Amino acid sequence: MERELTPVEARSGVVSGRIITILIISTTAAIIALGLAWVLVFSGT
């Protein structure tokens, strides 16, 4: 039998999940941007 989460505990779980999602998305976007910049720089020469 699991105990009930308080609203604060439930909300902190949602917020931490959202933060992790944003971190993953921003990291992926940064890698893609670096890859594009690399291609643009080295394809020009």
N, C-alpha and C. Protein backbone atom coordinates (compact mmCIF):
# COMPACT_ATOMS: atom_id res chain seq x y z
N MET A 1 0.85 -1.20 0.00
CA MET A 1 0.00 0.00 0.00
C MET A 1 0.89 1.25 0.00
N GLU A 2 0.77 2.04 -1.08
CA GLU A 2 1.56 3.26 -1.17
C GLU A 2 0.83 4.41 -0.49
N ARG A 3 1.64 5.30 0.11
CA ARG A 3 1.02 6.46 0.74
C ARG A 3 0.68 7.51 -0.30
N GLU A 4 -0.28 8.35 0.02
CA GLU A 4 -0.70 9.42 -0.89
C GLU A 4 0.37 10.50 -0.96
N LEU A 5 0.57 11.04 -2.15
CA LEU A 5 1.46 12.19 -2.30
C LEU A 5 0.71 13.46 -1.92
N THR A 6 1.41 14.34 -1.26
CA THR A 6 0.83 15.66 -1.00
C THR A 6 0.89 16.47 -2.30
N PRO A 7 0.06 17.50 -2.45
CA PRO A 7 0.10 18.32 -3.67
C PRO A 7 1.49 18.90 -3.95
N VAL A 8 2.22 19.25 -2.89
CA VAL A 8 3.57 19.82 -3.08
C VAL A 8 4.51 18.76 -3.64
N GLU A 9 4.44 17.54 -3.12
CA GLU A 9 5.29 16.45 -3.61
C GLU A 9 4.96 16.11 -5.06
N ALA A 10 3.68 16.06 -5.37
CA ALA A 10 3.26 15.75 -6.74
C ALA A 10 3.74 16.84 -7.69
N ARG A 11 3.61 18.10 -7.27
CA ARG A 11 4.00 19.22 -8.12
C ARG A 11 5.51 19.22 -8.34
N SER A 12 6.30 18.90 -7.31
CA SER A 12 7.75 18.89 -7.45
C SER A 12 8.17 17.80 -8.42
N GLY A 13 7.46 16.68 -8.43
CA GLY A 13 7.74 15.62 -9.40
C GLY A 13 7.47 16.07 -10.82
N VAL A 14 6.38 16.78 -11.02
CA VAL A 14 6.04 17.30 -12.35
C VAL A 14 7.09 18.31 -12.80
N VAL A 15 7.48 19.20 -11.89
CA VAL A 15 8.46 20.24 -12.22
C VAL A 15 9.80 19.62 -12.55
N SER A 16 10.27 18.65 -11.76
CA SER A 16 11.57 18.04 -12.04
C SER A 16 11.53 17.27 -13.35
N GLY A 17 10.42 16.63 -13.65
CA GLY A 17 10.27 15.96 -14.94
C GLY A 17 10.33 16.94 -16.09
N ARG A 18 9.70 18.10 -15.91
CA ARG A 18 9.70 19.13 -16.94
C ARG A 18 11.11 19.69 -17.14
N ILE A 19 11.85 19.89 -16.03
CA ILE A 19 13.22 20.40 -16.11
C ILE A 19 14.11 19.41 -16.87
N ILE A 20 13.97 18.12 -16.56
CA ILE A 20 14.77 17.10 -17.25
C ILE A 20 14.45 17.10 -18.74
N THR A 21 13.16 17.22 -19.09
CA THR A 21 12.75 17.26 -20.50
C THR A 21 13.36 18.46 -21.20
N ILE A 22 13.32 19.63 -20.57
CA ILE A 22 13.89 20.84 -21.16
C ILE A 22 15.40 20.69 -21.33
N LEU A 23 16.07 20.09 -20.34
CA LEU A 23 17.52 19.88 -20.46
C LEU A 23 17.85 18.97 -21.64
N ILE A 24 17.09 17.89 -21.80
CA ILE A 24 17.34 16.96 -22.91
C ILE A 24 17.12 17.67 -24.24
N ILE A 25 16.03 18.43 -24.36
CA ILE A 25 15.72 19.13 -25.60
C ILE A 25 16.80 20.16 -25.92
N SER A 26 17.20 20.95 -24.92
CA SER A 26 18.20 22.00 -25.16
C SER A 26 19.55 21.40 -25.49
N THR A 27 19.92 20.30 -24.86
CA THR A 27 21.18 19.63 -25.18
C THR A 27 21.17 19.12 -26.61
N THR A 28 20.07 18.49 -27.01
CA THR A 28 19.93 17.99 -28.37
C THR A 28 20.01 19.14 -29.38
N ALA A 29 19.32 20.23 -29.09
CA ALA A 29 19.33 21.39 -29.98
C ALA A 29 20.74 21.97 -30.09
N ALA A 30 21.48 22.01 -28.98
CA ALA A 30 22.84 22.53 -29.01
C ALA A 30 23.75 21.65 -29.86
N ILE A 31 23.60 20.34 -29.76
CA ILE A 31 24.41 19.41 -30.56
C ILE A 31 24.10 19.59 -32.05
N ILE A 32 22.81 19.73 -32.38
CA ILE A 32 22.41 19.94 -33.78
C ILE A 32 22.98 21.26 -34.30
N ALA A 33 22.89 22.31 -33.49
CA ALA A 33 23.40 23.63 -33.90
C ALA A 33 24.91 23.57 -34.11
N LEU A 34 25.63 22.89 -33.22
CA LEU A 34 27.07 22.74 -33.39
C LEU A 34 27.40 21.97 -34.66
N GLY A 35 26.64 20.92 -34.93
CA GLY A 35 26.85 20.15 -36.15
C GLY A 35 26.61 20.99 -37.40
N LEU A 36 25.55 21.78 -37.40
CA LEU A 36 25.26 22.66 -38.54
C LEU A 36 26.36 23.70 -38.72
N ALA A 37 26.81 24.29 -37.63
CA ALA A 37 27.87 25.29 -37.70
C ALA A 37 29.15 24.65 -38.25
N TRP A 38 29.47 23.45 -37.79
CA TRP A 38 30.64 22.72 -38.25
C TRP A 38 30.57 22.51 -39.76
N VAL A 39 29.41 22.05 -40.25
CA VAL A 39 29.22 21.79 -41.68
C VAL A 39 29.35 23.09 -42.46
N LEU A 40 28.72 24.17 -41.98
CA LEU A 40 28.78 25.44 -42.70
C LEU A 40 30.22 25.97 -42.77
N VAL A 41 30.95 25.88 -41.66
CA VAL A 41 32.31 26.41 -41.63
C VAL A 41 33.22 25.62 -42.56
N PHE A 42 33.13 24.29 -42.50
CA PHE A 42 34.09 23.47 -43.24
C PHE A 42 33.66 23.18 -44.67
N SER A 43 32.39 23.42 -45.01
CA SER A 43 31.98 23.25 -46.41
C SER A 43 32.35 24.47 -47.23
N GLY A 44 32.52 25.61 -46.56
CA GLY A 44 32.86 26.86 -47.26
C GLY A 44 34.31 26.88 -47.72
N THR A 45 35.17 26.14 -47.05
CA THR A 45 36.60 26.19 -47.39
C THR A 45 36.98 25.13 -48.40
